[in-house]
Full PDB file with SEQRES, HELIX, SHEET, SSBOND, CRYST1, ORIGX, SCALE, CONECT and MASTER records, all heavy atoms in Angstrom:
SEQRES   1 A   40  ILE LEU LYS VAL ASP GLY ASP ARG PHE TRP ALA ASP TYR          
SEQRES   2 A   40  ALA MET ARG GLU THR TRP ASP LYS LYS GLY GLY ASN GLY          
SEQRES   3 A   40  ALA SER TRP TRP SER LEU TRP MET ALA LEU PHE TYR PHE          
SEQRES   4 A   40  CYS                                                          
HELIX    1 AA1 GLY A    6  ARG A    8  1                                   3    
HELIX    2 AA2 PHE A    9  TRP A   19  3                                  11    
HELIX    3 AA3 TRP A   29  PHE A   39  1                                  11    
CRYST1    1.000    1.000    1.000  90.00  90.00  90.00 P 1           1          
ORIGX1      1.000000  0.000000  0.000000        0.00000                         
ORIGX2      0.000000  1.000000  0.000000        0.00000                         
ORIGX3      0.000000  0.000000  1.000000        0.00000                         
SCALE1      1.000000  0.000000  0.000000        0.00000                         
SCALE2      0.000000  1.000000  0.000000        0.00000                         
SCALE3      0.000000  0.000000  1.000000        0.00000                         
ATOM      1  N   ILE A   1      88.413  83.207 147.904  1.00  0.00           N  
ATOM      2  CA  ILE A   1      87.429  84.199 147.516  1.00  0.00           C  
ATOM      3  C   ILE A   1      86.266  83.519 146.768  1.00  0.00           C  
ATOM      4  O   ILE A   1      85.100  83.830 146.994  1.00  0.00           O  
ATOM      5  CB  ILE A   1      88.062  85.271 146.658  1.00  0.00           C  
ATOM      6  CG1 ILE A   1      89.079  86.060 147.417  1.00  0.00           C  
ATOM      7  CG2 ILE A   1      87.033  86.165 146.035  1.00  0.00           C  
ATOM      8  CD1 ILE A   1      88.533  86.732 148.696  1.00  0.00           C  
ATOM      9  N   LEU A   2      86.609  82.541 145.944  1.00  0.00           N  
ATOM     10  CA  LEU A   2      85.524  81.824 145.237  1.00  0.00           C  
ATOM     11  C   LEU A   2      84.609  81.113 146.229  1.00  0.00           C  
ATOM     12  O   LEU A   2      83.382  81.101 146.050  1.00  0.00           O  
ATOM     13  CB  LEU A   2      86.157  80.828 144.281  1.00  0.00           C  
ATOM     14  CG  LEU A   2      85.215  79.929 143.464  1.00  0.00           C  
ATOM     15  CD1 LEU A   2      84.334  80.806 142.539  1.00  0.00           C  
ATOM     16  CD2 LEU A   2      86.005  78.908 142.658  1.00  0.00           C  
ATOM     17  N   LYS A   3      85.147  80.551 147.269  1.00  0.00           N  
ATOM     18  CA  LYS A   3      84.361  79.851 148.280  1.00  0.00           C  
ATOM     19  C   LYS A   3      83.498  80.820 149.105  1.00  0.00           C  
ATOM     20  O   LYS A   3      82.352  80.571 149.386  1.00  0.00           O  
ATOM     21  CB  LYS A   3      85.250  79.005 149.177  1.00  0.00           C  
ATOM     22  CG  LYS A   3      84.489  78.217 150.224  1.00  0.00           C  
ATOM     23  CD  LYS A   3      85.472  77.388 151.016  1.00  0.00           C  
ATOM     24  CE  LYS A   3      84.910  76.804 152.248  1.00  0.00           C  
ATOM     25  NZ  LYS A   3      83.981  75.840 152.284  1.00  0.00           N  
ATOM     26  N   VAL A   4      84.101  81.972 149.490  1.00  0.00           N  
ATOM     27  CA  VAL A   4      83.401  82.956 150.309  1.00  0.00           C  
ATOM     28  C   VAL A   4      82.271  83.647 149.562  1.00  0.00           C  
ATOM     29  O   VAL A   4      81.141  83.788 150.091  1.00  0.00           O  
ATOM     30  CB  VAL A   4      84.406  83.986 150.872  1.00  0.00           C  
ATOM     31  CG1 VAL A   4      83.673  85.148 151.587  1.00  0.00           C  
ATOM     32  CG2 VAL A   4      85.358  83.305 151.848  1.00  0.00           C  
ATOM     33  N   ASP A   5      82.540  84.075 148.370  1.00  0.00           N  
ATOM     34  CA  ASP A   5      81.594  84.816 147.608  1.00  0.00           C  
ATOM     35  C   ASP A   5      81.748  84.491 146.095  1.00  0.00           C  
ATOM     36  O   ASP A   5      82.312  85.288 145.369  1.00  0.00           O  
ATOM     37  CB  ASP A   5      81.720  86.315 147.867  1.00  0.00           C  
ATOM     38  CG  ASP A   5      80.556  87.152 147.332  1.00  0.00           C  
ATOM     39  OD1 ASP A   5      79.685  86.572 146.618  1.00  0.00           O  
ATOM     40  OD2 ASP A   5      80.540  88.356 147.570  1.00  0.00           O  
ATOM     41  N   GLY A   6      81.255  83.368 145.728  1.00  0.00           N  
ATOM     42  CA  GLY A   6      81.430  82.869 144.375  1.00  0.00           C  
ATOM     43  C   GLY A   6      80.863  83.765 143.271  1.00  0.00           C  
ATOM     44  O   GLY A   6      81.503  83.978 142.230  1.00  0.00           O  
ATOM     45  N   ASP A   7      79.654  84.369 143.519  1.00  0.00           N  
ATOM     46  CA  ASP A   7      79.060  85.232 142.505  1.00  0.00           C  
ATOM     47  C   ASP A   7      79.909  86.458 142.284  1.00  0.00           C  
ATOM     48  O   ASP A   7      80.174  86.901 141.146  1.00  0.00           O  
ATOM     49  CB  ASP A   7      77.674  85.694 142.912  1.00  0.00           C  
ATOM     50  CG  ASP A   7      76.726  84.463 142.949  1.00  0.00           C  
ATOM     51  OD1 ASP A   7      77.003  83.521 142.199  1.00  0.00           O  
ATOM     52  OD2 ASP A   7      75.722  84.538 143.683  1.00  0.00           O  
ATOM     53  N   ARG A   8      80.371  87.096 143.353  1.00  0.00           N  
ATOM     54  CA  ARG A   8      81.171  88.313 143.252  1.00  0.00           C  
ATOM     55  C   ARG A   8      82.521  87.975 142.587  1.00  0.00           C  
ATOM     56  O   ARG A   8      83.110  88.742 141.801  1.00  0.00           O  
ATOM     57  CB  ARG A   8      81.375  88.953 144.582  1.00  0.00           C  
ATOM     58  CG  ARG A   8      82.012  90.305 144.461  1.00  0.00           C  
ATOM     59  CD  ARG A   8      81.841  91.083 145.727  1.00  0.00           C  
ATOM     60  NE  ARG A   8      82.394  92.396 145.467  1.00  0.00           N  
ATOM     61  CZ  ARG A   8      82.745  93.204 146.446  1.00  0.00           C  
ATOM     62  NH1 ARG A   8      82.599  92.819 147.688  1.00  0.00           N  
ATOM     63  NH2 ARG A   8      83.275  94.340 146.199  1.00  0.00           N  
ATOM     64  N   PHE A   9      83.096  86.806 142.978  1.00  0.00           N  
ATOM     65  CA  PHE A   9      84.335  86.383 142.348  1.00  0.00           C  
ATOM     66  C   PHE A   9      84.214  86.364 140.840  1.00  0.00           C  
ATOM     67  O   PHE A   9      85.053  86.896 140.148  1.00  0.00           O  
ATOM     68  CB  PHE A   9      84.766  84.997 142.878  1.00  0.00           C  
ATOM     69  CG  PHE A   9      85.967  84.420 142.156  1.00  0.00           C  
ATOM     70  CD1 PHE A   9      87.231  84.797 142.514  1.00  0.00           C  
ATOM     71  CD2 PHE A   9      85.820  83.531 141.087  1.00  0.00           C  
ATOM     72  CE1 PHE A   9      88.319  84.272 141.855  1.00  0.00           C  
ATOM     73  CE2 PHE A   9      86.908  82.995 140.462  1.00  0.00           C  
ATOM     74  CZ  PHE A   9      88.185  83.394 140.834  1.00  0.00           C  
ATOM     75  N   TRP A  10      83.174  85.657 140.345  1.00  0.00           N  
ATOM     76  CA  TRP A  10      83.005  85.550 138.867  1.00  0.00           C  
ATOM     77  C   TRP A  10      82.731  86.878 138.219  1.00  0.00           C  
ATOM     78  O   TRP A  10      83.256  87.196 137.157  1.00  0.00           O  
ATOM     79  CB  TRP A  10      81.891  84.530 138.534  1.00  0.00           C  
ATOM     80  CG  TRP A  10      82.408  83.151 138.767  1.00  0.00           C  
ATOM     81  CD1 TRP A  10      81.959  82.292 139.690  1.00  0.00           C  
ATOM     82  CD2 TRP A  10      83.423  82.453 138.021  1.00  0.00           C  
ATOM     83  NE1 TRP A  10      82.670  81.053 139.627  1.00  0.00           N  
ATOM     84  CE2 TRP A  10      83.529  81.165 138.612  1.00  0.00           C  
ATOM     85  CE3 TRP A  10      84.248  82.792 136.984  1.00  0.00           C  
ATOM     86  CZ2 TRP A  10      84.439  80.205 138.163  1.00  0.00           C  
ATOM     87  CZ3 TRP A  10      85.152  81.842 136.532  1.00  0.00           C  
ATOM     88  CH2 TRP A  10      85.256  80.594 137.090  1.00  0.00           C  
ATOM     89  N   ALA A  11      81.929  87.728 138.944  1.00  0.00           N  
ATOM     90  CA  ALA A  11      81.605  89.059 138.341  1.00  0.00           C  
ATOM     91  C   ALA A  11      82.768  89.997 138.391  1.00  0.00           C  
ATOM     92  O   ALA A  11      83.141  90.640 137.362  1.00  0.00           O  
ATOM     93  CB  ALA A  11      80.395  89.654 139.044  1.00  0.00           C  
ATOM     94  N   ASP A  12      83.423  90.136 139.544  1.00  0.00           N  
ATOM     95  CA  ASP A  12      84.462  91.136 139.702  1.00  0.00           C  
ATOM     96  C   ASP A  12      85.839  90.673 139.241  1.00  0.00           C  
ATOM     97  O   ASP A  12      86.515  91.398 138.533  1.00  0.00           O  
ATOM     98  CB  ASP A  12      84.589  91.562 141.187  1.00  0.00           C  
ATOM     99  CG  ASP A  12      83.455  92.454 141.610  1.00  0.00           C  
ATOM    100  OD1 ASP A  12      82.741  92.967 140.734  1.00  0.00           O  
ATOM    101  OD2 ASP A  12      83.288  92.663 142.821  1.00  0.00           O  
ATOM    102  N   TYR A  13      86.245  89.487 139.657  1.00  0.00           N  
ATOM    103  CA  TYR A  13      87.591  89.117 139.246  1.00  0.00           C  
ATOM    104  C   TYR A  13      87.627  88.407 137.912  1.00  0.00           C  
ATOM    105  O   TYR A  13      88.280  88.890 136.980  1.00  0.00           O  
ATOM    106  CB  TYR A  13      88.230  88.150 140.308  1.00  0.00           C  
ATOM    107  CG  TYR A  13      89.611  87.770 139.793  1.00  0.00           C  
ATOM    108  CD1 TYR A  13      90.625  88.707 139.885  1.00  0.00           C  
ATOM    109  CD2 TYR A  13      89.841  86.560 139.218  1.00  0.00           C  
ATOM    110  CE1 TYR A  13      91.891  88.430 139.366  1.00  0.00           C  
ATOM    111  CE2 TYR A  13      91.100  86.259 138.682  1.00  0.00           C  
ATOM    112  CZ  TYR A  13      92.107  87.172 138.761  1.00  0.00           C  
ATOM    113  OH  TYR A  13      93.324  86.881 138.223  1.00  0.00           O  
ATOM    114  N   ALA A  14      86.892  87.355 137.735  1.00  0.00           N  
ATOM    115  CA  ALA A  14      87.030  86.566 136.527  1.00  0.00           C  
ATOM    116  C   ALA A  14      86.619  87.360 135.310  1.00  0.00           C  
ATOM    117  O   ALA A  14      87.281  87.331 134.281  1.00  0.00           O  
ATOM    118  CB  ALA A  14      86.204  85.264 136.659  1.00  0.00           C  
ATOM    119  N   MET A  15      85.506  88.040 135.380  1.00  0.00           N  
ATOM    120  CA  MET A  15      85.004  88.787 134.210  1.00  0.00           C  
ATOM    121  C   MET A  15      85.732  90.142 134.013  1.00  0.00           C  
ATOM    122  O   MET A  15      86.344  90.391 133.014  1.00  0.00           O  
ATOM    123  CB  MET A  15      83.512  88.969 134.281  1.00  0.00           C  
ATOM    124  CG  MET A  15      82.717  87.664 134.270  1.00  0.00           C  
ATOM    125  SD  MET A  15      83.145  86.606 132.838  1.00  0.00           S  
ATOM    126  CE  MET A  15      82.481  87.537 131.560  1.00  0.00           C  
ATOM    127  N   ARG A  16      85.647  91.000 135.001  1.00  0.00           N  
ATOM    128  CA  ARG A  16      86.148  92.329 134.869  1.00  0.00           C  
ATOM    129  C   ARG A  16      87.643  92.377 134.852  1.00  0.00           C  
ATOM    130  O   ARG A  16      88.270  93.121 134.017  1.00  0.00           O  
ATOM    131  CB  ARG A  16      85.604  93.201 136.005  1.00  0.00           C  
ATOM    132  CG  ARG A  16      86.006  94.654 135.915  1.00  0.00           C  
ATOM    133  CD  ARG A  16      85.347  95.529 136.979  1.00  0.00           C  
ATOM    134  NE  ARG A  16      85.500  95.037 138.336  1.00  0.00           N  
ATOM    135  CZ  ARG A  16      86.529  95.331 139.120  1.00  0.00           C  
ATOM    136  NH1 ARG A  16      87.518  96.069 138.644  1.00  0.00           N  
ATOM    137  NH2 ARG A  16      86.625  94.860 140.333  1.00  0.00           N  
ATOM    138  N   GLU A  17      88.330  91.678 135.713  1.00  0.00           N  
ATOM    139  CA  GLU A  17      89.776  91.791 135.829  1.00  0.00           C  
ATOM    140  C   GLU A  17      90.540  90.880 134.838  1.00  0.00           C  
ATOM    141  O   GLU A  17      91.729  91.030 134.688  1.00  0.00           O  
ATOM    142  CB  GLU A  17      90.208  91.472 137.249  1.00  0.00           C  
ATOM    143  CG  GLU A  17      89.820  92.491 138.246  1.00  0.00           C  
ATOM    144  CD  GLU A  17      90.463  93.825 138.028  1.00  0.00           C  
ATOM    145  OE1 GLU A  17      91.650  93.892 137.612  1.00  0.00           O  
ATOM    146  OE2 GLU A  17      89.820  94.870 138.281  1.00  0.00           O  
ATOM    147  N   THR A  18      89.874  89.949 134.235  1.00  0.00           N  
ATOM    148  CA  THR A  18      90.592  89.024 133.377  1.00  0.00           C  
ATOM    149  C   THR A  18      90.165  89.148 131.910  1.00  0.00           C  
ATOM    150  O   THR A  18      90.936  89.552 131.074  1.00  0.00           O  
ATOM    151  CB  THR A  18      90.396  87.538 133.835  1.00  0.00           C  
ATOM    152  OG1 THR A  18      90.738  87.472 135.206  1.00  0.00           O  
ATOM    153  CG2 THR A  18      91.200  86.600 133.022  1.00  0.00           C  
ATOM    154  N   TRP A  19      88.934  88.894 131.641  1.00  0.00           N  
ATOM    155  CA  TRP A  19      88.479  88.823 130.226  1.00  0.00           C  
ATOM    156  C   TRP A  19      88.023  90.228 129.738  1.00  0.00           C  
ATOM    157  O   TRP A  19      88.090  90.433 128.521  1.00  0.00           O  
ATOM    158  CB  TRP A  19      87.364  87.824 130.075  1.00  0.00           C  
ATOM    159  CG  TRP A  19      87.901  86.416 130.219  1.00  0.00           C  
ATOM    160  CD1 TRP A  19      88.806  85.803 129.427  1.00  0.00           C  
ATOM    161  CD2 TRP A  19      87.568  85.495 131.261  1.00  0.00           C  
ATOM    162  NE1 TRP A  19      89.061  84.558 129.888  1.00  0.00           N  
ATOM    163  CE2 TRP A  19      88.359  84.313 131.077  1.00  0.00           C  
ATOM    164  CE3 TRP A  19      86.814  85.547 132.410  1.00  0.00           C  
ATOM    165  CZ2 TRP A  19      88.268  83.242 131.864  1.00  0.00           C  
ATOM    166  CZ3 TRP A  19      86.716  84.463 133.221  1.00  0.00           C  
ATOM    167  CH2 TRP A  19      87.435  83.326 132.968  1.00  0.00           C  
ATOM    168  N   ASP A  20      87.574  91.108 130.582  1.00  0.00           N  
ATOM    169  CA  ASP A  20      87.113  92.372 130.077  1.00  0.00           C  
ATOM    170  C   ASP A  20      88.196  93.428 129.979  1.00  0.00           C  
ATOM    171  O   ASP A  20      87.910  94.592 129.623  1.00  0.00           O  
ATOM    172  CB  ASP A  20      86.011  92.912 131.010  1.00  0.00           C  
ATOM    173  CG  ASP A  20      84.706  92.149 130.810  1.00  0.00           C  
ATOM    174  OD1 ASP A  20      84.591  91.440 129.802  1.00  0.00           O  
ATOM    175  OD2 ASP A  20      83.820  92.293 131.679  1.00  0.00           O  
ATOM    176  N   LYS A  21      89.420  93.155 130.267  1.00  0.00           N  
ATOM    177  CA  LYS A  21      90.492  94.138 130.151  1.00  0.00           C  
ATOM    178  C   LYS A  21      91.056  94.143 128.740  1.00  0.00           C  
ATOM    179  O   LYS A  21      92.121  93.762 128.465  1.00  0.00           O  
ATOM    180  CB  LYS A  21      91.653  93.797 131.119  1.00  0.00           C  
ATOM    181  CG  LYS A  21      91.434  94.260 132.466  1.00  0.00           C  
ATOM    182  CD  LYS A  21      92.650  94.155 133.332  1.00  0.00           C  
ATOM    183  CE  LYS A  21      92.546  94.864 134.579  1.00  0.00           C  
ATOM    184  NZ  LYS A  21      93.717  94.868 135.399  1.00  0.00           N  
ATOM    185  N   LYS A  22      90.273  94.662 127.868  1.00  0.00           N  
ATOM    186  CA  LYS A  22      90.760  94.708 126.458  1.00  0.00           C  
ATOM    187  C   LYS A  22      90.876  96.137 125.904  1.00  0.00           C  
ATOM    188  O   LYS A  22      91.642  96.412 125.027  1.00  0.00           O  
ATOM    189  CB  LYS A  22      89.786  93.959 125.586  1.00  0.00           C  
ATOM    190  CG  LYS A  22      89.790  92.448 125.901  1.00  0.00           C  
ATOM    191  CD  LYS A  22      89.313  91.650 124.714  1.00  0.00           C  
ATOM    192  CE  LYS A  22      89.475  90.194 124.837  1.00  0.00           C  
ATOM    193  NZ  LYS A  22      89.319  89.512 126.038  1.00  0.00           N  
ATOM    194  N   GLY A  23      90.158  97.076 126.506  1.00  0.00           N  
ATOM    195  CA  GLY A  23      90.192  98.445 125.987  1.00  0.00           C  
ATOM    196  C   GLY A  23      91.332  99.262 126.476  1.00  0.00           C  
ATOM    197  O   GLY A  23      91.917 100.040 125.752  1.00  0.00           O  
ATOM    198  N   GLY A  24      91.723  99.121 127.745  1.00  0.00           N  
ATOM    199  CA  GLY A  24      92.796  99.893 128.302  1.00  0.00           C  
ATOM    200  C   GLY A  24      92.508 101.394 128.187  1.00  0.00           C  
ATOM    201  O   GLY A  24      91.374 101.804 128.231  1.00  0.00           O  
ATOM    202  N   ASN A  25      93.538 102.126 128.055  1.00  0.00           N  
ATOM    203  CA  ASN A  25      93.370 103.576 127.966  1.00  0.00           C  
ATOM    204  C   ASN A  25      93.665 104.055 126.524  1.00  0.00           C  
ATOM    205  O   ASN A  25      93.773 105.233 126.266  1.00  0.00           O  
ATOM    206  CB  ASN A  25      94.198 104.322 128.967  1.00  0.00           C  
ATOM    207  CG  ASN A  25      95.709 104.163 128.689  1.00  0.00           C  
ATOM    208  OD1 ASN A  25      96.089 103.394 127.834  1.00  0.00           O  
ATOM    209  ND2 ASN A  25      96.513 104.868 129.447  1.00  0.00           N  
ATOM    210  N   GLY A  26      93.765 103.102 125.587  1.00  0.00           N  
ATOM    211  CA  GLY A  26      94.039 103.474 124.209  1.00  0.00           C  
ATOM    212  C   GLY A  26      95.464 103.938 123.956  1.00  0.00           C  
ATOM    213  O   GLY A  26      95.737 104.492 122.899  1.00  0.00           O  
ATOM    214  N   ALA A  27      96.369 103.725 124.862  1.00  0.00           N  
ATOM    215  CA  ALA A  27      97.727 104.151 124.654  1.00  0.00           C  
ATOM    216  C   ALA A  27      98.382 103.339 123.533  1.00  0.00           C  
ATOM    217  O   ALA A  27      98.037 102.166 123.338  1.00  0.00           O  
ATOM    218  CB  ALA A  27      98.546 104.006 125.962  1.00  0.00           C  
ATOM    219  N   SER A  28      99.252 103.938 122.783  1.00  0.00           N  
ATOM    220  CA  SER A  28      99.999 103.216 121.794  1.00  0.00           C  
ATOM    221  C   SER A  28     101.180 102.469 122.372  1.00  0.00           C  
ATOM    222  O   SER A  28     101.628 102.784 123.488  1.00  0.00           O  
ATOM    223  CB  SER A  28     100.444 104.187 120.702  1.00  0.00           C  
ATOM    224  OG  SER A  28     101.464 105.006 121.257  1.00  0.00           O  
ATOM    225  N   TRP A  29     101.747 101.553 121.626  1.00  0.00           N  
ATOM    226  CA  TRP A  29     102.926 100.860 122.129  1.00  0.00           C  
ATOM    227  C   TRP A  29     104.081 101.806 122.267  1.00  0.00           C  
ATOM    228  O   TRP A  29     104.916 101.704 123.141  1.00  0.00           O  
ATOM    229  CB  TRP A  29     103.293  99.680 121.214  1.00  0.00           C  
ATOM    230  CG  TRP A  29     103.668  99.970 119.871  1.00  0.00           C  
ATOM    231  CD1 TRP A  29     102.844 100.054 118.794  1.00  0.00           C  
ATOM    232  CD2 TRP A  29     104.981 100.357 119.389  1.00  0.00           C  
ATOM    233  NE1 TRP A  29     103.596 100.385 117.686  1.00  0.00           N  
ATOM    234  CE2 TRP A  29     104.905 100.622 118.027  1.00  0.00           C  
ATOM    235  CE3 TRP A  29     106.244 100.472 119.997  1.00  0.00           C  
ATOM    236  CZ2 TRP A  29     105.963 101.007 117.262  1.00  0.00           C  
ATOM    237  CZ3 TRP A  29     107.335 100.837 119.223  1.00  0.00           C  
ATOM    238  CH2 TRP A  29     107.196 101.111 117.863  1.00  0.00           C  
ATOM    239  N   TRP A  30     104.079 102.876 121.410  1.00  0.00           N  
ATOM    240  CA  TRP A  30     105.138 103.928 121.512  1.00  0.00           C  
ATOM    241  C   TRP A  30     105.074 104.682 122.843  1.00  0.00           C  
ATOM    242  O   TRP A  30     106.110 104.870 123.492  1.00  0.00           O  
ATOM    243  CB  TRP A  30     104.983 104.856 120.330  1.00  0.00           C  
ATOM    244  CG  TRP A  30     106.003 105.979 120.394  1.00  0.00           C  
ATOM    245  CD1 TRP A  30     105.738 107.277 120.699  1.00  0.00           C  
ATOM    246  CD2 TRP A  30     107.422 105.910 120.173  1.00  0.00           C  
ATOM    247  NE1 TRP A  30     106.905 108.028 120.647  1.00  0.00           N  
ATOM    248  CE2 TRP A  30     107.974 107.158 120.348  1.00  0.00           C  
ATOM    249  CE3 TRP A  30     108.253 104.880 119.847  1.00  0.00           C  
ATOM    250  CZ2 TRP A  30     109.287 107.435 120.220  1.00  0.00           C  
ATOM    251  CZ3 TRP A  30     109.627 105.160 119.711  1.00  0.00           C  
ATOM    252  CH2 TRP A  30     110.141 106.410 119.857  1.00  0.00           C  
ATOM    253  N   SER A  31     103.863 105.069 123.252  1.00  0.00           N  
ATOM    254  CA  SER A  31     103.754 105.753 124.559  1.00  0.00           C  
ATOM    255  C   SER A  31     104.126 104.851 125.674  1.00  0.00           C  
ATOM    256  O   SER A  31     104.640 105.308 126.704  1.00  0.00           O  
ATOM    257  CB  SER A  31     102.342 106.376 124.733  1.00  0.00           C  
ATOM    258  OG  SER A  31     101.404 105.339 124.861  1.00  0.00           O  
ATOM    259  N   LEU A  32     103.811 103.556 125.554  1.00  0.00           N  
ATOM    260  CA  LEU A  32     104.187 102.598 126.606  1.00  0.00           C  
ATOM    261  C   LEU A  32     105.690 102.525 126.761  1.00  0.00           C  
ATOM    262  O   LEU A  32     106.240 102.584 127.882  1.00  0.00           O  
ATOM    263  CB  LEU A  32     103.644 101.246 126.192  1.00  0.00           C  
ATOM    264  CG  LEU A  32     103.794 100.095 127.169  1.00  0.00           C  
ATOM    265  CD1 LEU A  32     102.826 100.193 128.297  1.00  0.00           C  
ATOM    266  CD2 LEU A  32     103.547  98.788 126.435  1.00  0.00           C  
ATOM    267  N   TRP A  33     106.404 102.459 125.668  1.00  0.00           N  
ATOM    268  CA  TRP A  33     107.878 102.389 125.691  1.00  0.00           C  
ATOM    269  C   TRP A  33     108.534 103.729 126.070  1.00  0.00           C  
ATOM    270  O   TRP A  33     109.525 103.760 126.803  1.00  0.00           O  
ATOM    271  CB  TRP A  33     108.423 101.874 124.396  1.00  0.00           C  
ATOM    272  CG  TRP A  33     108.292 100.374 124.292  1.00  0.00           C  
ATOM    273  CD1 TRP A  33     107.212  99.681 123.717  1.00  0.00           C  
ATOM    274  CD2 TRP A  33     109.132  99.394 124.879  1.00  0.00           C  
ATOM    275  NE1 TRP A  33     107.417  98.382 123.903  1.00  0.00           N  
ATOM    276  CE2 TRP A  33     108.575  98.118 124.574  1.00  0.00           C  
ATOM    277  CE3 TRP A  33     110.331  99.467 125.539  1.00  0.00           C  
ATOM    278  CZ2 TRP A  33     109.141  96.949 125.002  1.00  0.00           C  
ATOM    279  CZ3 TRP A  33     110.908  98.257 125.928  1.00  0.00           C  
ATOM    280  CH2 TRP A  33     110.328  97.020 125.664  1.00  0.00           C  
ATOM    281  N   MET A  34     107.903 104.823 125.650  1.00  0.00           N  
ATOM    282  CA  MET A  34     108.464 106.108 126.069  1.00  0.00           C  
ATOM    283  C   MET A  34     108.344 106.294 127.609  1.00  0.00           C  
ATOM    284  O   MET A  34     109.220 106.852 128.233  1.00  0.00           O  
ATOM    285  CB  MET A  34     107.740 107.252 125.347  1.00  0.00           C  
ATOM    286  CG  MET A  34     108.167 107.381 123.875  1.00  0.00           C  
ATOM    287  SD  MET A  34     109.931 107.457 123.618  1.00  0.00           S  
ATOM    288  CE  MET A  34     110.381 108.993 124.434  1.00  0.00           C  
ATOM    289  N   ALA A  35     107.245 105.817 128.180  1.00  0.00           N  
ATOM    290  CA  ALA A  35     107.093 105.864 129.607  1.00  0.00           C  
ATOM    291  C   ALA A  35     108.188 105.073 130.277  1.00  0.00           C  
ATOM    292  O   ALA A  35     108.743 105.531 131.332  1.00  0.00           O  
ATOM    293  CB  ALA A  35     105.763 105.381 130.035  1.00  0.00           C  
ATOM    294  N   LEU A  36     108.554 103.938 129.718  1.00  0.00           N  
ATOM    295  CA  LEU A  36     109.704 103.183 130.288  1.00  0.00           C  
ATOM    296  C   LEU A  36     110.952 103.981 130.239  1.00  0.00           C  
ATOM    297  O   LEU A  36     111.743 104.003 131.216  1.00  0.00           O  
ATOM    298  CB  LEU A  36     109.859 101.857 129.550  1.00  0.00           C  
ATOM    299  CG  LEU A  36     111.117 101.010 129.935  1.00  0.00           C  
ATOM    300  CD1 LEU A  36     111.002 100.543 131.379  1.00  0.00           C  
ATOM    301  CD2 LEU A  36     111.325  99.855 128.995  1.00  0.00           C  
ATOM    302  N   PHE A  37     111.221 104.612 129.103  1.00  0.00           N  
ATOM    303  CA  PHE A  37     112.429 105.410 129.004  1.00  0.00           C  
ATOM    304  C   PHE A  37     112.470 106.569 130.043  1.00  0.00           C  
ATOM    305  O   PHE A  37     113.526 106.900 130.597  1.00  0.00           O  
ATOM    306  CB  PHE A  37     112.596 105.970 127.603  1.00  0.00           C  
ATOM    307  CG  PHE A  37     112.914 104.888 126.596  1.00  0.00           C  
ATOM    308  CD1 PHE A  37     112.212 104.838 125.370  1.00  0.00           C  
ATOM    309  CD2 PHE A  37     113.798 103.876 126.907  1.00  0.00           C  
ATOM    310  CE1 PHE A  37     112.471 103.835 124.472  1.00  0.00           C  
ATOM    311  CE2 PHE A  37     114.057 102.884 125.964  1.00  0.00           C  
ATOM    312  CZ  PHE A  37     113.360 102.863 124.727  1.00  0.00           C  
ATOM    313  N   TYR A  38     111.300 107.114 130.309  1.00  0.00           N  
ATOM    314  CA  TYR A  38     111.259 108.139 131.360  1.00  0.00           C  
ATOM    315  C   TYR A  38     111.492 107.579 132.713  1.00  0.00           C  
ATOM    316  O   TYR A  38     112.201 108.207 133.560  1.00  0.00           O  
ATOM    317  CB  TYR A  38     109.850 108.870 131.370  1.00  0.00           C  
ATOM    318  CG  TYR A  38     109.567 109.613 130.139  1.00  0.00           C  
ATOM    319  CD1 TYR A  38     108.272 109.628 129.616  1.00  0.00           C  
ATOM    320  CD2 TYR A  38     110.521 110.325 129.440  1.00  0.00           C  
ATOM    321  CE1 TYR A  38     107.950 110.300 128.461  1.00  0.00           C  
ATOM    322  CE2 TYR A  38     110.226 111.030 128.266  1.00  0.00           C  
ATOM    323  CZ  TYR A  38     108.918 111.004 127.791  1.00  0.00           C  
ATOM    324  OH  TYR A  38     108.626 111.688 126.676  1.00  0.00           O  
ATOM    325  N   PHE A  39     110.969 106.357 132.976  1.00  0.00           N  
ATOM    326  CA  PHE A  39     111.254 105.698 134.284  1.00  0.00           C  
ATOM    327  C   PHE A  39     112.733 105.437 134.468  1.00  0.00           C  
ATOM    328  O   PHE A  39     113.236 105.507 135.548  1.00  0.00           O  
ATOM    329  CB  PHE A  39     110.487 104.376 134.331  1.00  0.00           C  
ATOM    330  CG  PHE A  39     109.046 104.462 134.707  1.00  0.00           C  
ATOM    331  CD1 PHE A  39     108.151 103.644 134.065  1.00  0.00           C  
ATOM    332  CD2 PHE A  39     108.551 105.336 135.670  1.00  0.00           C  
ATOM    333  CE1 PHE A  39     106.805 103.674 134.406  1.00  0.00           C  
ATOM    334  CE2 PHE A  39     107.259 105.390 135.994  1.00  0.00           C  
ATOM    335  CZ  PHE A  39     106.395 104.560 135.384  1.00  0.00           C  
ATOM    336  N   CYS A  40     113.356 105.032 133.337  1.00  0.00           N  
ATOM    337  CA  CYS A  40     114.764 104.619 133.452  1.00  0.00           C  
ATOM    338  C   CYS A  40     115.742 105.711 133.373  1.00  0.00           C  
ATOM    339  O   CYS A  40     116.913 105.476 133.488  1.00  0.00           O  
ATOM    340  CB  CYS A  40     115.006 103.595 132.313  1.00  0.00           C  
ATOM    341  SG  CYS A  40     114.164 102.057 132.457  1.00  0.00           S  
TER     342      CYS A  40                                                      
MASTER        0    0    0    3    0    0    0    6  341    1    0    4          
END                                                                             
């Protein structure tokens, strides 16, 4: 992907999917674990 479209790779994957994933949906760790208990 880097070879085919280097600019888009850096913009879409490297920046947005790696370094910009900090906000999330604001869920607490408690809601994260409760969802696991529901799954299980």
